[in-house]
Amino acid sequence: MRLTTSQLQSRHKTLIDALKRGETVEITYHGQVLGIVHPASSVKVDRKAQEEAMADFFGMHSDSPIDTVEDELRAIRTNRRGLRDL
């Protein structure tokens, strides 16, 4: 399917319907293809693996002695004014 940029405003439902049918839609501007819209892939996501990866990522500093973000920022900012002593 092909739509012009001006048709996108008035026929956006047509674009959505085409994507639901699995069609690829070309967007044109002054007769030249500006972009191509593909339907989202229907790949199944392994929720358990995703949650484990997120737990690993967000827990990467779990061995750090600092408990809160405020403590971390306070530790970073403590020597700001003492930089002249270097």
C-alpha atoms as a PDB file:
ATOM      1  CA  MET A   1       0.000   0.000   0.000  1.00  0.00           C
ATOM      2  CA  ARG A   2       1.156   3.542  -0.641  1.00  0.00           C
ATOM      3  CA  LEU A   3       0.009   6.732   1.107  1.00  0.00           C
ATOM      4  CA  THR A   4       1.110  10.319   0.616  1.00  0.00           C
ATOM      5  CA  THR A   5       2.081  12.477   3.573  1.00  0.00           C
ATOM      6  CA  SER A   6      -1.052  14.600   3.128  1.00  0.00           C
ATOM      7  CA  GLN A   7      -3.230  11.463   3.179  1.00  0.00           C
ATOM      8  CA  LEU A   8      -1.800  10.448   6.550  1.00  0.00           C
ATOM      9  CA  GLN A   9      -3.877  13.066   8.348  1.00  0.00           C
ATOM     10  CA  SER A  10      -7.177  12.218   6.705  1.00  0.00           C
ATOM     11  CA  ARG A  11      -6.681   8.458   6.235  1.00  0.00           C
ATOM     12  CA  HIS A  12      -4.721   7.410   9.325  1.00  0.00           C
ATOM     13  CA  LYS A  13      -7.301   4.673   9.965  1.00  0.00           C
ATOM     14  CA  THR A  14      -6.379   3.185   6.570  1.00  0.00           C
ATOM     15  CA  LEU A  15      -2.746   2.996   7.682  1.00  0.00           C
ATOM     16  CA  ILE A  16      -3.686   1.279  10.936  1.00  0.00           C
ATOM     17  CA  ASP A  17      -5.964  -1.204   9.155  1.00  0.00           C
ATOM     18  CA  ALA A  18      -3.220  -2.069   6.653  1.00  0.00           C
ATOM     19  CA  LEU A  19      -0.747  -2.682   9.480  1.00  0.00           C
ATOM     20  CA  LYS A  20      -3.281  -4.913  11.248  1.00  0.00           C
ATOM     21  CA  ARG A  21      -3.538  -6.965   8.053  1.00  0.00           C
ATOM     22  CA  GLY A  22       0.251  -7.339   8.070  1.00  0.00           C
ATOM     23  CA  GLU A  23       0.853  -5.078   5.075  1.00  0.00           C
ATOM     24  CA  THR A  24       3.852  -2.806   4.616  1.00  0.00           C
ATOM     25  CA  VAL A  25       2.922   0.810   3.832  1.00  0.00           C
ATOM     26  CA  GLU A  26       5.073   3.217   1.821  1.00  0.00           C
ATOM     27  CA  ILE A  27       4.815   6.897   2.723  1.00  0.00           C
ATOM     28  CA  THR A  28       5.523   9.214  -0.192  1.00  0.00           C
ATOM     29  CA  TYR A  29       6.296  12.925  -0.342  1.00  0.00           C
ATOM     30  CA  HIS A  30       6.217  14.665  -3.727  1.00  0.00           C
ATOM     31  CA  GLY A  31       6.245  11.277  -5.452  1.00  0.00           C
ATOM     32  CA  GLN A  32       9.358   9.993  -3.679  1.00  0.00           C
ATOM     33  CA  VAL A  33       9.275   7.297  -1.011  1.00  0.00           C
ATOM     34  CA  LEU A  34       9.939   9.031   2.288  1.00  0.00           C
ATOM     35  CA  GLY A  35       9.623   6.005   4.526  1.00  0.00           C
ATOM     36  CA  ILE A  36       8.263   2.532   4.926  1.00  0.00           C
ATOM     37  CA  VAL A  37       6.073   1.461   7.839  1.00  0.00           C
ATOM     38  CA  HIS A  38       6.203  -2.220   8.735  1.00  0.00           C
ATOM     39  CA  PRO A  39       3.811  -4.025  11.061  1.00  0.00           C
ATOM     40  CA  ALA A  40       5.235  -4.925  14.448  1.00  0.00           C
ATOM     41  CA  SER A  41       6.639  -8.423  14.596  1.00  0.00           C
ATOM     42  CA  SER A  42       4.646 -10.948  16.531  1.00  0.00           C
ATOM     43  CA  VAL A  43       7.639 -12.437  18.315  1.00  0.00           C
ATOM     44  CA  LYS A  44       6.770 -14.071  21.616  1.00  0.00           C
ATOM     45  CA  VAL A  45       8.620 -12.569  24.555  1.00  0.00           C
ATOM     46  CA  ASP A  46       9.937 -14.893  27.247  1.00  0.00           C
ATOM     47  CA  ARG A  47       8.677 -12.986  30.294  1.00  0.00           C
ATOM     48  CA  LYS A  48      10.705 -15.013  32.773  1.00  0.00           C
ATOM     49  CA  ALA A  49      13.979 -14.395  30.916  1.00  0.00           C
ATOM     50  CA  GLN A  50      13.094 -10.714  30.574  1.00  0.00           C
ATOM     51  CA  GLU A  51      12.393 -10.368  34.298  1.00  0.00           C
ATOM     52  CA  GLU A  52      15.668 -12.153  35.165  1.00  0.00           C
ATOM     53  CA  ALA A  53      17.617  -9.834  32.854  1.00  0.00           C
ATOM     54  CA  MET A  54      15.977  -6.778  34.419  1.00  0.00           C
ATOM     55  CA  ALA A  55      16.733  -8.060  37.915  1.00  0.00           C
ATOM     56  CA  ASP A  56      20.381  -8.536  36.942  1.00  0.00           C
ATOM     57  CA  PHE A  57      20.546  -5.068  35.399  1.00  0.00           C
ATOM     58  CA  PHE A  58      18.852  -3.178  38.216  1.00  0.00           C
ATOM     59  CA  GLY A  59      20.707  -5.165  40.852  1.00  0.00           C
ATOM     60  CA  MET A  60      24.144  -4.557  39.359  1.00  0.00           C
ATOM     61  CA  HIS A  61      25.154  -2.265  42.236  1.00  0.00           C
ATOM     62  CA  SER A  62      23.581  -4.371  44.969  1.00  0.00           C
ATOM     63  CA  ASP A  63      27.016  -4.983  46.516  1.00  0.00           C
ATOM     64  CA  SER A  64      27.583  -1.222  46.845  1.00  0.00           C
ATOM     65  CA  PRO A  65      27.629   0.104  50.427  1.00  0.00           C
ATOM     66  CA  ILE A  66      25.374   3.034  49.466  1.00  0.00           C
ATOM     67  CA  ASP A  67      21.680   2.316  50.038  1.00  0.00           C
ATOM     68  CA  THR A  68      19.785   5.190  48.418  1.00  0.00           C
ATOM     69  CA  VAL A  69      20.151   7.525  45.473  1.00  0.00           C
ATOM     70  CA  GLU A  70      20.353  10.474  47.859  1.00  0.00           C
ATOM     71  CA  ASP A  71      23.319   8.869  49.649  1.00  0.00           C
ATOM     72  CA  GLU A  72      25.008   8.231  46.303  1.00  0.00           C
ATOM     73  CA  LEU A  73      24.541  11.850  45.198  1.00  0.00           C
ATOM     74  CA  ARG A  74      25.756  13.143  48.545  1.00  0.00           C
ATOM     75  CA  ALA A  75      28.898  11.018  48.212  1.00  0.00           C
ATOM     76  CA  ILE A  76      29.521  12.282  44.676  1.00  0.00           C
ATOM     77  CA  ARG A  77      29.001  15.936  45.627  1.00  0.00           C
ATOM     78  CA  THR A  78      31.073  15.980  48.832  1.00  0.00           C
ATOM     79  CA  ASN A  79      34.324  17.032  47.172  1.00  0.00           C
ATOM     80  CA  ARG A  80      32.925  19.569  44.735  1.00  0.00           C
ATOM     81  CA  ARG A  81      34.030  22.579  46.717  1.00  0.00           C
ATOM     82  CA  GLY A  82      37.312  21.022  47.752  1.00  0.00           C
ATOM     83  CA  LEU A  83      38.606  20.711  44.165  1.00  0.00           C
ATOM     84  CA  ARG A  84      41.053  23.595  44.749  1.00  0.00           C
ATOM     85  CA  ASP A  85      42.990  21.402  47.147  1.00  0.00           C
ATOM     86  CA  LEU A  86      44.160  19.153  44.281  1.00  0.00           C
END
